[in-house]
């Protein structure tokens, strides 16, 4: 679970709220009501580049990683992605930078 001590909330994927992008993506929100692990709030740390020079499957200092959703949330794999705010893309409640879960793996993930 990814949590913030400042806001006392956890990052969750909301599959009921489609993101306003051209790709298959959904909004990520923070929720203060998560009391334990659930499918919306569990993420998997994955290597961003399989050819990064490490032979094992352990995350090393300085290695590029990405966060993916777990298979209990959806059969599709979603990558947590941050989009720079602008006139077309921004977070609904705060109007700042938007965080979404997207099926496309890009440099933003």
PDB file of N, CA and C in Angstrom:
ATOM      1  N   UNK A   1       0.844  -1.171   0.000  1.00  0.00           N
ATOM      2  CA  UNK A   1       0.000   0.000   0.000  1.00  0.00           C
ATOM      3  C   UNK A   1       0.887   1.230   0.000  1.00  0.00           C
ATOM      4  N   UNK A   2       0.513   2.222  -0.784  1.00  0.00           N
ATOM      5  CA  UNK A   2       1.234   3.497  -0.825  1.00  0.00           C
ATOM      6  C   UNK A   2       0.440   4.494   0.005  1.00  0.00           C
ATOM      7  N   UNK A   3       1.040   4.971   1.078  1.00  0.00           N
ATOM      8  CA  UNK A   3       0.318   5.891   1.954  1.00  0.00           C
ATOM      9  C   UNK A   3       1.120   7.153   2.197  1.00  0.00           C
ATOM     10  N   UNK A   4       0.394   8.196   2.573  1.00  0.00           N
ATOM     11  CA  UNK A   4       0.998   9.482   2.885  1.00  0.00           C
ATOM     12  C   UNK A   4       0.756   9.781   4.359  1.00  0.00           C
ATOM     13  N   UNK A   5       1.803  10.016   5.092  1.00  0.00           N
ATOM     14  CA  UNK A   5       1.655  10.361   6.506  1.00  0.00           C
ATOM     15  C   UNK A   5       1.120  11.783   6.662  1.00  0.00           C
ATOM     16  N   UNK A   6       1.386  12.650   5.663  1.00  0.00           N
ATOM     17  CA  UNK A   6       0.919  14.032   5.740  1.00  0.00           C
ATOM     18  C   UNK A   6      -0.609  14.105   5.657  1.00  0.00           C
ATOM     19  N   UNK A   7      -1.201  13.326   4.735  1.00  0.00           N
ATOM     20  CA  UNK A   7      -2.661  13.347   4.571  1.00  0.00           C
ATOM     21  C   UNK A   7      -3.348  12.185   5.275  1.00  0.00           C
ATOM     22  N   UNK A   8      -2.573  11.243   5.786  1.00  0.00           N
ATOM     23  CA  UNK A   8      -3.091  10.047   6.444  1.00  0.00           C
ATOM     24  C   UNK A   8      -4.062   9.297   5.530  1.00  0.00           C
ATOM     25  N   UNK A   9      -3.677   9.126   4.257  1.00  0.00           N
ATOM     26  CA  UNK A   9      -4.487   8.412   3.284  1.00  0.00           C
ATOM     27  C   UNK A   9      -3.641   7.499   2.434  1.00  0.00           C
ATOM     28  N   UNK A  10      -4.318   6.591   1.736  1.00  0.00           N
ATOM     29  CA  UNK A  10      -3.663   5.630   0.848  1.00  0.00           C
ATOM     30  C   UNK A  10      -4.061   5.902  -0.597  1.00  0.00           C
ATOM     31  N   UNK A  11      -3.165   5.598  -1.514  1.00  0.00           N
ATOM     32  CA  UNK A  11      -3.455   5.715  -2.931  1.00  0.00           C
ATOM     33  C   UNK A  11      -4.295   4.510  -3.352  1.00  0.00           C
ATOM     34  N   UNK A  12      -5.399   4.769  -4.060  1.00  0.00           N
ATOM     35  CA  UNK A  12      -6.274   3.706  -4.549  1.00  0.00           C
ATOM     36  C   UNK A  12      -6.619   3.965  -6.012  1.00  0.00           C
ATOM     37  N   UNK A  13      -6.907   2.903  -6.754  1.00  0.00           N
ATOM     38  CA  UNK A  13      -7.352   3.005  -8.137  1.00  0.00           C
ATOM     39  C   UNK A  13      -8.869   2.928  -8.143  1.00  0.00           C
ATOM     40  N   UNK A  14      -9.508   3.843  -8.861  1.00  0.00           N
ATOM     41  CA  UNK A  14     -10.962   3.886  -8.929  1.00  0.00           C
ATOM     42  C   UNK A  14     -11.411   3.443 -10.324  1.00  0.00           C
ATOM     43  N   UNK A  15     -11.800   2.187 -10.473  1.00  0.00           N
ATOM     44  CA  UNK A  15     -12.210   1.660 -11.778  1.00  0.00           C
ATOM     45  C   UNK A  15     -13.590   2.153 -12.207  1.00  0.00           C
ATOM     46  N   UNK A  16     -14.252   2.919 -11.381  1.00  0.00           N
ATOM     47  CA  UNK A  16     -15.542   3.508 -11.762  1.00  0.00           C
ATOM     48  C   UNK A  16     -15.387   4.900 -12.352  1.00  0.00           C
ATOM     49  N   UNK A  17     -14.182   5.456 -12.291  1.00  0.00           N
ATOM     50  CA  UNK A  17     -13.941   6.826 -12.754  1.00  0.00           C
ATOM     51  C   UNK A  17     -12.898   6.807 -13.867  1.00  0.00           C
ATOM     52  N   UNK A  18     -13.353   6.796 -15.118  1.00  0.00           N
ATOM     53  CA  UNK A  18     -12.458   6.753 -16.279  1.00  0.00           C
ATOM     54  C   UNK A  18     -11.735   8.087 -16.413  1.00  0.00           C
ATOM     55  N   UNK A  19     -10.444   8.027 -16.696  1.00  0.00           N
ATOM     56  CA  UNK A  19      -9.634   9.239 -16.875  1.00  0.00           C
ATOM     57  C   UNK A  19      -9.918   9.834 -18.255  1.00  0.00           C
ATOM     58  N   UNK A  20      -9.824  11.137 -18.354  1.00  0.00           N
ATOM     59  CA  UNK A  20     -10.096  11.828 -19.623  1.00  0.00           C
ATOM     60  C   UNK A  20      -8.828  11.878 -20.478  1.00  0.00           C
ATOM     61  N   UNK A  21      -8.380  10.697 -20.908  1.00  0.00           N
ATOM     62  CA  UNK A  21      -7.218  10.588 -21.786  1.00  0.00           C
ATOM     63  C   UNK A  21      -7.599   9.738 -22.978  1.00  0.00           C
ATOM     64  N   UNK A  22      -6.699   9.622 -23.935  1.00  0.00           N
ATOM     65  CA  UNK A  22      -6.971   8.842 -25.138  1.00  0.00           C
ATOM     66  C   UNK A  22      -6.721   7.354 -24.940  1.00  0.00           C
ATOM     67  N   UNK A  23      -6.169   6.980 -23.803  1.00  0.00           N
ATOM     68  CA  UNK A  23      -5.842   5.579 -23.544  1.00  0.00           C
ATOM     69  C   UNK A  23      -6.820   4.971 -22.542  1.00  0.00           C
ATOM     70  N   UNK A  24      -6.730   3.672 -22.343  1.00  0.00           N
ATOM     71  CA  UNK A  24      -7.548   2.980 -21.363  1.00  0.00           C
ATOM     72  C   UNK A  24      -6.954   3.255 -19.986  1.00  0.00           C
ATOM     73  N   UNK A  25      -7.556   4.183 -19.249  1.00  0.00           N
ATOM     74  CA  UNK A  25      -6.994   4.614 -17.970  1.00  0.00           C
ATOM     75  C   UNK A  25      -8.097   5.015 -17.004  1.00  0.00           C
ATOM     76  N   UNK A  26      -7.777   4.908 -15.715  1.00  0.00           N
ATOM     77  CA  UNK A  26      -8.723   5.246 -14.658  1.00  0.00           C
ATOM     78  C   UNK A  26      -8.048   6.139 -13.626  1.00  0.00           C
ATOM     79  N   UNK A  27      -8.870   6.901 -12.908  1.00  0.00           N
ATOM     80  CA  UNK A  27      -8.373   7.842 -11.916  1.00  0.00           C
ATOM     81  C   UNK A  27      -7.796   7.108 -10.701  1.00  0.00           C
ATOM     82  N   UNK A  28      -6.774   7.711 -10.116  1.00  0.00           N
ATOM     83  CA  UNK A  28      -6.264   7.284  -8.813  1.00  0.00           C
ATOM     84  C   UNK A  28      -6.639   8.366  -7.812  1.00  0.00           C
ATOM     85  N   UNK A  29      -7.057   7.956  -6.652  1.00  0.00           N
ATOM     86  CA  UNK A  29      -7.466   8.882  -5.612  1.00  0.00           C
ATOM     87  C   UNK A  29      -6.756   8.530  -4.315  1.00  0.00           C
ATOM     88  N   UNK A  30      -6.851   9.425  -3.356  1.00  0.00           N
ATOM     89  CA  UNK A  30      -6.362   9.085  -2.022  1.00  0.00           C
ATOM     90  C   UNK A  30      -7.575   8.870  -1.131  1.00  0.00           C
ATOM     91  N   UNK A  31      -7.487   7.851  -0.297  1.00  0.00           N
ATOM     92  CA  UNK A  31      -8.613   7.509   0.557  1.00  0.00           C
ATOM     93  C   UNK A  31      -8.152   7.372   2.003  1.00  0.00           C
ATOM     94  N   UNK A  32      -8.776   8.122   2.913  1.00  0.00           N
ATOM     95  CA  UNK A  32      -8.432   7.988   4.328  1.00  0.00           C
ATOM     96  C   UNK A  32      -9.157   6.822   4.997  1.00  0.00           C
ATOM     97  N   UNK A  33     -10.045   6.150   4.272  1.00  0.00           N
ATOM     98  CA  UNK A  33     -10.887   5.110   4.859  1.00  0.00           C
ATOM     99  C   UNK A  33     -10.344   3.703   4.684  1.00  0.00           C
ATOM    100  N   UNK A  34      -9.122   3.549   4.178  1.00  0.00           N
ATOM    101  CA  UNK A  34      -8.531   2.226   4.000  1.00  0.00           C
ATOM    102  C   UNK A  34      -7.942   1.786   5.344  1.00  0.00           C
ATOM    103  N   UNK A  35      -8.475   0.708   5.889  1.00  0.00           N
ATOM    104  CA  UNK A  35      -7.998   0.237   7.182  1.00  0.00           C
ATOM    105  C   UNK A  35      -7.080  -0.969   7.049  1.00  0.00           C
ATOM    106  N   UNK A  36      -7.016  -1.549   5.867  1.00  0.00           N
ATOM    107  CA  UNK A  36      -6.169  -2.713   5.648  1.00  0.00           C
ATOM    108  C   UNK A  36      -6.046  -2.979   4.155  1.00  0.00           C
ATOM    109  N   UNK A  37      -5.315  -4.002   3.787  1.00  0.00           N
ATOM    110  CA  UNK A  37      -5.110  -4.286   2.377  1.00  0.00           C
ATOM    111  C   UNK A  37      -6.419  -4.607   1.646  1.00  0.00           C
ATOM    112  N   UNK A  38      -6.586  -4.034   0.474  1.00  0.00           N
ATOM    113  CA  UNK A  38      -7.671  -4.411  -0.426  1.00  0.00           C
ATOM    114  C   UNK A  38      -7.185  -4.255  -1.858  1.00  0.00           C
ATOM    115  N   UNK A  39      -7.901  -4.794  -2.803  1.00  0.00           N
ATOM    116  CA  UNK A  39      -7.436  -4.860  -4.193  1.00  0.00           C
ATOM    117  C   UNK A  39      -7.178  -3.481  -4.797  1.00  0.00           C
ATOM    118  N   UNK A  40      -7.938  -2.470  -4.409  1.00  0.00           N
ATOM    119  CA  UNK A  40      -7.752  -1.123  -4.982  1.00  0.00           C
ATOM    120  C   UNK A  40      -6.481  -0.444  -4.497  1.00  0.00           C
ATOM    121  N   UNK A  41      -5.958  -0.884  -3.353  1.00  0.00           N
ATOM    122  CA  UNK A  41      -4.847  -0.164  -2.725  1.00  0.00           C
ATOM    123  C   UNK A  41      -3.522  -0.919  -2.747  1.00  0.00           C
ATOM    124  N   UNK A  42      -3.482  -2.118  -3.313  1.00  0.00           N
ATOM    125  CA  UNK A  42      -2.251  -2.899  -3.333  1.00  0.00           C
ATOM    126  C   UNK A  42      -1.569  -2.740  -4.689  1.00  0.00           C
ATOM    127  N   UNK A  43      -0.303  -2.363  -4.669  1.00  0.00           N
ATOM    128  CA  UNK A  43       0.477  -2.172  -5.892  1.00  0.00           C
ATOM    129  C   UNK A  43       1.707  -3.076  -5.870  1.00  0.00           C
ATOM    130  N   UNK A  44       2.185  -3.415  -7.034  1.00  0.00           N
ATOM    131  CA  UNK A  44       3.359  -4.269  -7.177  1.00  0.00           C
ATOM    132  C   UNK A  44       4.496  -3.419  -7.727  1.00  0.00           C
ATOM    133  N   UNK A  45       5.666  -3.512  -7.112  1.00  0.00           N
ATOM    134  CA  UNK A  45       6.856  -2.815  -7.612  1.00  0.00           C
ATOM    135  C   UNK A  45       7.493  -3.698  -8.675  1.00  0.00           C
ATOM    136  N   UNK A  46       7.695  -3.134  -9.852  1.00  0.00           N
ATOM    137  CA  UNK A  46       8.203  -3.893 -10.995  1.00  0.00           C
ATOM    138  C   UNK A  46       9.384  -3.152 -11.617  1.00  0.00           C
ATOM    139  N   UNK A  47      10.300  -3.898 -12.185  1.00  0.00           N
ATOM    140  CA  UNK A  47      11.434  -3.276 -12.874  1.00  0.00           C
ATOM    141  C   UNK A  47      10.923  -2.556 -14.126  1.00  0.00           C
ATOM    142  N   UNK A  48      11.346  -1.330 -14.326  1.00  0.00           N
ATOM    143  CA  UNK A  48      10.922  -0.573 -15.500  1.00  0.00           C
ATOM    144  C   UNK A  48      11.643  -1.057 -16.752  1.00  0.00           C
ATOM    145  N   UNK A  49      12.889  -1.493 -16.606  1.00  0.00           N
ATOM    146  CA  UNK A  49      13.684  -1.964 -17.735  1.00  0.00           C
ATOM    147  C   UNK A  49      14.251  -3.339 -17.402  1.00  0.00           C
ATOM    148  N   UNK A  50      13.788  -4.388 -18.091  1.00  0.00           N
ATOM    149  CA  UNK A  50      14.306  -5.725 -17.789  1.00  0.00           C
ATOM    150  C   UNK A  50      15.776  -5.905 -18.170  1.00  0.00           C
ATOM    151  N   UNK A  51      16.312  -5.035 -19.009  1.00  0.00           N
ATOM    152  CA  UNK A  51      17.716  -5.099 -19.425  1.00  0.00           C
ATOM    153  C   UNK A  51      18.543  -4.027 -18.727  1.00  0.00           C
ATOM    154  N   UNK A  52      18.353  -3.880 -17.419  1.00  0.00           N
ATOM    155  CA  UNK A  52      19.055  -2.825 -16.682  1.00  0.00           C
ATOM    156  C   UNK A  52      20.382  -3.269 -16.076  1.00  0.00           C
ATOM    157  N   UNK A  53      20.801  -4.492 -16.377  1.00  0.00           N
ATOM    158  CA  UNK A  53      22.098  -4.955 -15.906  1.00  0.00           C
ATOM    159  C   UNK A  53      22.052  -5.842 -14.683  1.00  0.00           C
ATOM    160  N   UNK A  54      20.903  -5.980 -14.054  1.00  0.00           N
ATOM    161  CA  UNK A  54      20.775  -6.838 -12.878  1.00  0.00           C
ATOM    162  C   UNK A  54      20.182  -8.177 -13.303  1.00  0.00           C
ATOM    163  N   UNK A  55      20.728  -9.256 -12.786  1.00  0.00           N
ATOM    164  CA  UNK A  55      20.267 -10.587 -13.177  1.00  0.00           C
ATOM    165  C   UNK A  55      19.167 -11.118 -12.254  1.00  0.00           C
ATOM    166  N   UNK A  56      19.068 -10.581 -11.042  1.00  0.00           N
ATOM    167  CA  UNK A  56      18.047 -11.076 -10.119  1.00  0.00           C
ATOM    168  C   UNK A  56      16.773 -10.228 -10.212  1.00  0.00           C
ATOM    169  N   UNK A  57      15.767 -10.615  -9.475  1.00  0.00           N
ATOM    170  CA  UNK A  57      14.491  -9.916  -9.490  1.00  0.00           C
ATOM    171  C   UNK A  57      14.298  -9.077  -8.231  1.00  0.00           C
ATOM    172  N   UNK A  58      15.400  -8.588  -7.658  1.00  0.00           N
ATOM    173  CA  UNK A  58      15.383  -7.761  -6.460  1.00  0.00           C
ATOM    174  C   UNK A  58      15.540  -6.304  -6.891  1.00  0.00           C
ATOM    175  N   UNK A  59      14.819  -5.395  -6.224  1.00  0.00           N
ATOM    176  CA  UNK A  59      14.956  -3.971  -6.524  1.00  0.00           C
ATOM    177  C   UNK A  59      16.236  -3.462  -5.886  1.00  0.00           C
ATOM    178  N   UNK A  60      17.081  -2.815  -6.683  1.00  0.00           N
ATOM    179  CA  UNK A  60      18.359  -2.285  -6.216  1.00  0.00           C
ATOM    180  C   UNK A  60      18.308  -0.756  -6.176  1.00  0.00           C
ATOM    181  N   UNK A  61      19.154  -0.179  -5.324  1.00  0.00           N
ATOM    182  CA  UNK A  61      19.249   1.276  -5.231  1.00  0.00           C
ATOM    183  C   UNK A  61      19.623   1.851  -6.593  1.00  0.00           C
ATOM    184  N   UNK A  62      18.893   2.857  -7.044  1.00  0.00           N
ATOM    185  CA  UNK A  62      19.178   3.505  -8.319  1.00  0.00           C
ATOM    186  C   UNK A  62      18.488   2.864  -9.512  1.00  0.00           C
ATOM    187  N   UNK A  63      17.874   1.729  -9.299  1.00  0.00           N
ATOM    188  CA  UNK A  63      17.195   1.026 -10.386  1.00  0.00           C
ATOM    189  C   UNK A  63      15.855   1.708 -10.677  1.00  0.00           C
ATOM    190  N   UNK A  64      15.488   1.795 -11.949  1.00  0.00           N
ATOM    191  CA  UNK A  64      14.213   2.387 -12.334  1.00  0.00           C
ATOM    192  C   UNK A  64      13.105   1.363 -12.116  1.00  0.00           C
ATOM    193  N   UNK A  65      12.021   1.818 -11.473  1.00  0.00           N
ATOM    194  CA  UNK A  65      10.907   0.931 -11.148  1.00  0.00           C
ATOM    195  C   UNK A  65       9.595   1.551 -11.626  1.00  0.00           C
ATOM    196  N   UNK A  66       8.547   0.753 -11.624  1.00  0.00           N
ATOM    197  CA  UNK A  66       7.205   1.265 -11.857  1.00  0.00           C
ATOM    198  C   UNK A  66       6.248   0.524 -10.926  1.00  0.00           C
ATOM    199  N   UNK A  67       5.114   1.139 -10.683  1.00  0.00           N
ATOM    200  CA  UNK A  67       4.094   0.545  -9.831  1.00  0.00           C
ATOM    201  C   UNK A  67       2.964   0.031 -10.712  1.00  0.00           C
ATOM    202  N   UNK A  68       2.587  -1.230 -10.518  1.00  0.00           N
ATOM    203  CA  UNK A  68       1.493  -1.827 -11.277  1.00  0.00           C
ATOM    204  C   UNK A  68       0.398  -2.278 -10.312  1.00  0.00           C
ATOM    205  N   UNK A  69      -0.797  -2.454 -10.863  1.00  0.00           N
ATOM    206  CA  UNK A  69      -1.899  -2.955 -10.049  1.00  0.00           C
ATOM    207  C   UNK A  69      -1.785  -4.461  -9.909  1.00  0.00           C
ATOM    208  N   UNK A  70      -2.449  -5.006  -8.923  1.00  0.00           N
ATOM    209  CA  UNK A  70      -2.416  -6.447  -8.706  1.00  0.00           C
ATOM    210  C   UNK A  70      -3.521  -7.119  -9.516  1.00  0.00           C
ATOM    211  N   UNK A  71      -3.415  -8.411  -9.713  1.00  0.00           N
ATOM    212  CA  UNK A  71      -4.354  -9.140 -10.561  1.00  0.00           C
ATOM    213  C   UNK A  71      -5.740  -9.298  -9.933  1.00  0.00           C
ATOM    214  N   UNK A  72      -5.894  -9.033  -8.644  1.00  0.00           N
ATOM    215  CA  UNK A  72      -7.207  -9.113  -8.007  1.00  0.00           C
ATOM    216  C   UNK A  72      -8.083  -7.909  -8.360  1.00  0.00           C
ATOM    217  N   UNK A  73      -7.469  -6.810  -8.773  1.00  0.00           N
ATOM    218  CA  UNK A  73      -8.232  -5.622  -9.153  1.00  0.00           C
ATOM    219  C   UNK A  73      -8.845  -5.795 -10.527  1.00  0.00           C
ATOM    220  N   UNK A  74      -8.048  -6.282 -11.478  1.00  0.00           N
ATOM    221  CA  UNK A  74      -8.505  -6.437 -12.857  1.00  0.00           C
ATOM    222  C   UNK A  74      -7.586  -7.419 -13.566  1.00  0.00           C
ATOM    223  N   UNK A  75      -8.098  -8.153 -14.559  1.00  0.00           N
ATOM    224  CA  UNK A  75      -7.202  -9.026 -15.324  1.00  0.00           C
ATOM    225  C   UNK A  75      -6.196  -8.236 -16.156  1.00  0.00           C
ATOM    226  N   UNK A  76      -6.527  -6.974 -16.469  1.00  0.00           N
ATOM    227  CA  UNK A  76      -5.588  -6.098 -17.187  1.00  0.00           C
ATOM    228  C   UNK A  76      -4.556  -5.576 -16.201  1.00  0.00           C
ATOM    229  N   UNK A  77      -3.344  -5.366 -16.699  1.00  0.00           N
ATOM    230  CA  UNK A  77      -2.295  -4.764 -15.865  1.00  0.00           C
ATOM    231  C   UNK A  77      -2.320  -3.258 -16.095  1.00  0.00           C
ATOM    232  N   UNK A  78      -2.426  -2.509 -15.007  1.00  0.00           N
ATOM    233  CA  UNK A  78      -2.405  -1.049 -15.067  1.00  0.00           C
ATOM    234  C   UNK A  78      -1.124  -0.536 -14.431  1.00  0.00           C
ATOM    235  N   UNK A  79      -0.564   0.522 -15.016  1.00  0.00           N
ATOM    236  CA  UNK A  79       0.648   1.169 -14.518  1.00  0.00           C
ATOM    237  C   UNK A  79       0.271   2.524 -13.934  1.00  0.00           C
ATOM    238  N   UNK A  80       0.752   2.820 -12.729  1.00  0.00           N
ATOM    239  CA  UNK A  80       0.498   4.117 -12.110  1.00  0.00           C
ATOM    240  C   UNK A  80       1.317   5.156 -12.852  1.00  0.00           C
ATOM    241  N   UNK A  81       0.644   6.222 -13.251  1.00  0.00           N
ATOM    242  CA  UNK A  81       1.248   7.224 -14.125  1.00  0.00           C
ATOM    243  C   UNK A  81       0.887   8.615 -13.620  1.00  0.00           C
ATOM    244  N   UNK A  82       1.832   9.513 -13.677  1.00  0.00           N
ATOM    245  CA  UNK A  82       1.608  10.891 -13.283  1.00  0.00           C
ATOM    246  C   UNK A  82       1.648  11.778 -14.523  1.00  0.00           C
ATOM    247  N   UNK A  83       0.623  12.597 -14.686  1.00  0.00           N
ATOM    248  CA  UNK A  83       0.520  13.476 -15.852  1.00  0.00           C
ATOM    249  C   UNK A  83       0.642  14.922 -15.381  1.00  0.00           C
ATOM    250  N   UNK A  84       1.481  15.685 -16.057  1.00  0.00           N
ATOM    251  CA  UNK A  84       1.650  17.102 -15.732  1.00  0.00           C
ATOM    252  C   UNK A  84       0.315  17.827 -15.896  1.00  0.00           C
ATOM    253  N   UNK A  85      -0.004  18.711 -14.955  1.00  0.00           N
ATOM    254  CA  UNK A  85      -1.277  19.415 -15.037  1.00  0.00           C
ATOM    255  C   UNK A  85      -1.271  20.430 -16.174  1.00  0.00           C
ATOM    256  N   UNK A  86      -2.447  20.690 -16.705  1.00  0.00           N
ATOM    257  CA  UNK A  86      -2.615  21.631 -17.799  1.00  0.00           C
ATOM    258  C   UNK A  86      -4.094  21.888 -18.010  1.00  0.00           C
ATOM    259  N   UNK A  87      -4.455  22.585 -19.081  1.00  0.00           N
ATOM    260  CA  UNK A  87      -5.875  22.902 -19.292  1.00  0.00           C
ATOM    261  C   UNK A  87      -6.739  21.666 -19.572  1.00  0.00           C
ATOM    262  N   UNK A  88      -6.158  20.607 -20.138  1.00  0.00           N
ATOM    263  CA  UNK A  88      -6.927  19.410 -20.478  1.00  0.00           C
ATOM    264  C   UNK A  88      -6.855  18.322 -19.409  1.00  0.00           C
ATOM    265  N   UNK A  89      -5.726  18.200 -18.722  1.00  0.00           N
ATOM    266  CA  UNK A  89      -5.533  17.120 -17.747  1.00  0.00           C
ATOM    267  C   UNK A  89      -5.151  17.707 -16.400  1.00  0.00           C
ATOM    268  N   UNK A  90      -5.961  17.422 -15.397  1.00  0.00           N
ATOM    269  CA  UNK A  90      -5.651  17.833 -14.029  1.00  0.00           C
ATOM    270  C   UNK A  90      -6.505  17.015 -13.076  1.00  0.00           C
ATOM    271  N   UNK A  91      -6.085  16.988 -11.837  1.00  0.00           N
ATOM    272  CA  UNK A  91      -6.828  16.273 -10.810  1.00  0.00           C
ATOM    273  C   UNK A  91      -8.158  16.984 -10.574  1.00  0.00           C
ATOM    274  N   UNK A  92      -9.224  16.229 -10.470  1.00  0.00           N
ATOM    275  CA  UNK A  92     -10.551  16.836 -10.278  1.00  0.00           C
ATOM    276  C   UNK A  92     -10.664  17.633  -8.977  1.00  0.00           C
ATOM    277  N   UNK A  93     -10.289  17.046  -7.828  1.00  0.00           N
ATOM    278  CA  UNK A  93     -10.490  17.813  -6.595  1.00  0.00           C
ATOM    279  C   UNK A  93      -9.495  18.953  -6.393  1.00  0.00           C
ATOM    280  N   UNK A  94      -8.235  18.735  -6.731  1.00  0.00           N
ATOM    281  CA  UNK A  94      -7.217  19.743  -6.397  1.00  0.00           C
ATOM    282  C   UNK A  94      -6.816  20.632  -7.569  1.00  0.00           C
ATOM    283  N   UNK A  95      -7.096  20.189  -8.788  1.00  0.00           N
ATOM    284  CA  UNK A  95      -6.677  20.883 -10.021  1.00  0.00           C
ATOM    285  C   UNK A  95      -5.163  20.887 -10.201  1.00  0.00           C
ATOM    286  N   UNK A  96      -4.464  19.989  -9.506  1.00  0.00           N
ATOM    287  CA  UNK A  96      -3.023  19.846  -9.658  1.00  0.00           C
ATOM    288  C   UNK A  96      -2.708  18.660 -10.552  1.00  0.00           C
ATOM    289  N   UNK A  97      -1.510  18.182 -10.475  1.00  0.00           N
ATOM    290  CA  UNK A  97      -1.044  17.064 -11.287  1.00  0.00           C
ATOM    291  C   UNK A  97      -1.934  15.840 -11.087  1.00  0.00           C
ATOM    292  N   UNK A  98      -2.247  15.175 -12.186  1.00  0.00           N
ATOM    293  CA  UNK A  98      -3.158  14.037 -12.166  1.00  0.00           C
ATOM    294  C   UNK A  98      -2.393  12.723 -12.064  1.00  0.00           C
ATOM    295  N   UNK A  99      -2.906  11.787 -11.256  1.00  0.00           N
ATOM    296  CA  UNK A  99      -2.344  10.446 -11.150  1.00  0.00           C
ATOM    297  C   UNK A  99      -3.406   9.483 -11.655  1.00  0.00           C
ATOM    298  N   UNK A 100      -3.019   8.648 -12.629  1.00  0.00           N
ATOM    299  CA  UNK A 100      -3.960   7.698 -13.210  1.00  0.00           C
ATOM    300  C   UNK A 100      -3.335   6.306 -13.245  1.00  0.00           C
ATOM    301  N   UNK A 101      -4.165   5.312 -13.500  1.00  0.00           N
ATOM    302  CA  UNK A 101      -3.713   3.943 -13.735  1.00  0.00           C
ATOM    303  C   UNK A 101      -3.995   3.647 -15.201  1.00  0.00           C
ATOM    304  N   UNK A 102      -2.938   3.422 -15.978  1.00  0.00           N
ATOM    305  CA  UNK A 102      -3.045   3.269 -17.423  1.00  0.00           C
ATOM    306  C   UNK A 102      -2.556   1.891 -17.862  1.00  0.00           C
ATOM    307  N   UNK A 103      -3.101   1.393 -18.962  1.00  0.00           N
ATOM    308  CA  UNK A 103      -2.654   0.104 -19.495  1.00  0.00           C
ATOM    309  C   UNK A 103      -1.374   0.253 -20.302  1.00  0.00           C
ATOM    310  N   UNK A 104      -1.021   1.487 -20.669  1.00  0.00           N
ATOM    311  CA  UNK A 104       0.203   1.724 -21.458  1.00  0.00           C
ATOM    312  C   UNK A 104       1.389   1.970 -20.538  1.00  0.00           C
ATOM    313  N   UNK A 105       2.470   1.265 -20.796  1.00  0.00           N
ATOM    314  CA  UNK A 105       3.716   1.477 -20.043  1.00  0.00           C
ATOM    315  C   UNK A 105       4.558   2.477 -20.822  1.00  0.00           C
ATOM    316  N   UNK A 106       4.749   3.667 -20.248  1.00  0.00           N
ATOM    317  CA  UNK A 106       5.527   4.729 -20.891  1.00  0.00           C
ATOM    318  C   UNK A 106       6.565   5.252 -19.899  1.00  0.00           C
ATOM    319  N   UNK A 107       7.312   6.261 -20.314  1.00  0.00           N
ATOM    320  CA  UNK A 107       8.317   6.848 -19.430  1.00  0.00           C
ATOM    321  C   UNK A 107       7.673   7.534 -18.223  1.00  0.00           C
ATOM    322  N   UNK A 108       6.403   7.904 -18.313  1.00  0.00           N
ATOM    323  CA  UNK A 108       5.712   8.569 -17.201  1.00  0.00           C
ATOM    324  C   UNK A 108       5.347   7.583 -16.086  1.00  0.00           C
ATOM    325  N   UNK A 109       5.389   6.279 -16.397  1.00  0.00           N
ATOM    326  CA  UNK A 109       5.037   5.287 -15.385  1.00  0.00           C
ATOM    327  C   UNK A 109       6.266   4.946 -14.572  1.00  0.00           C
TER     328      UNK A 109
END
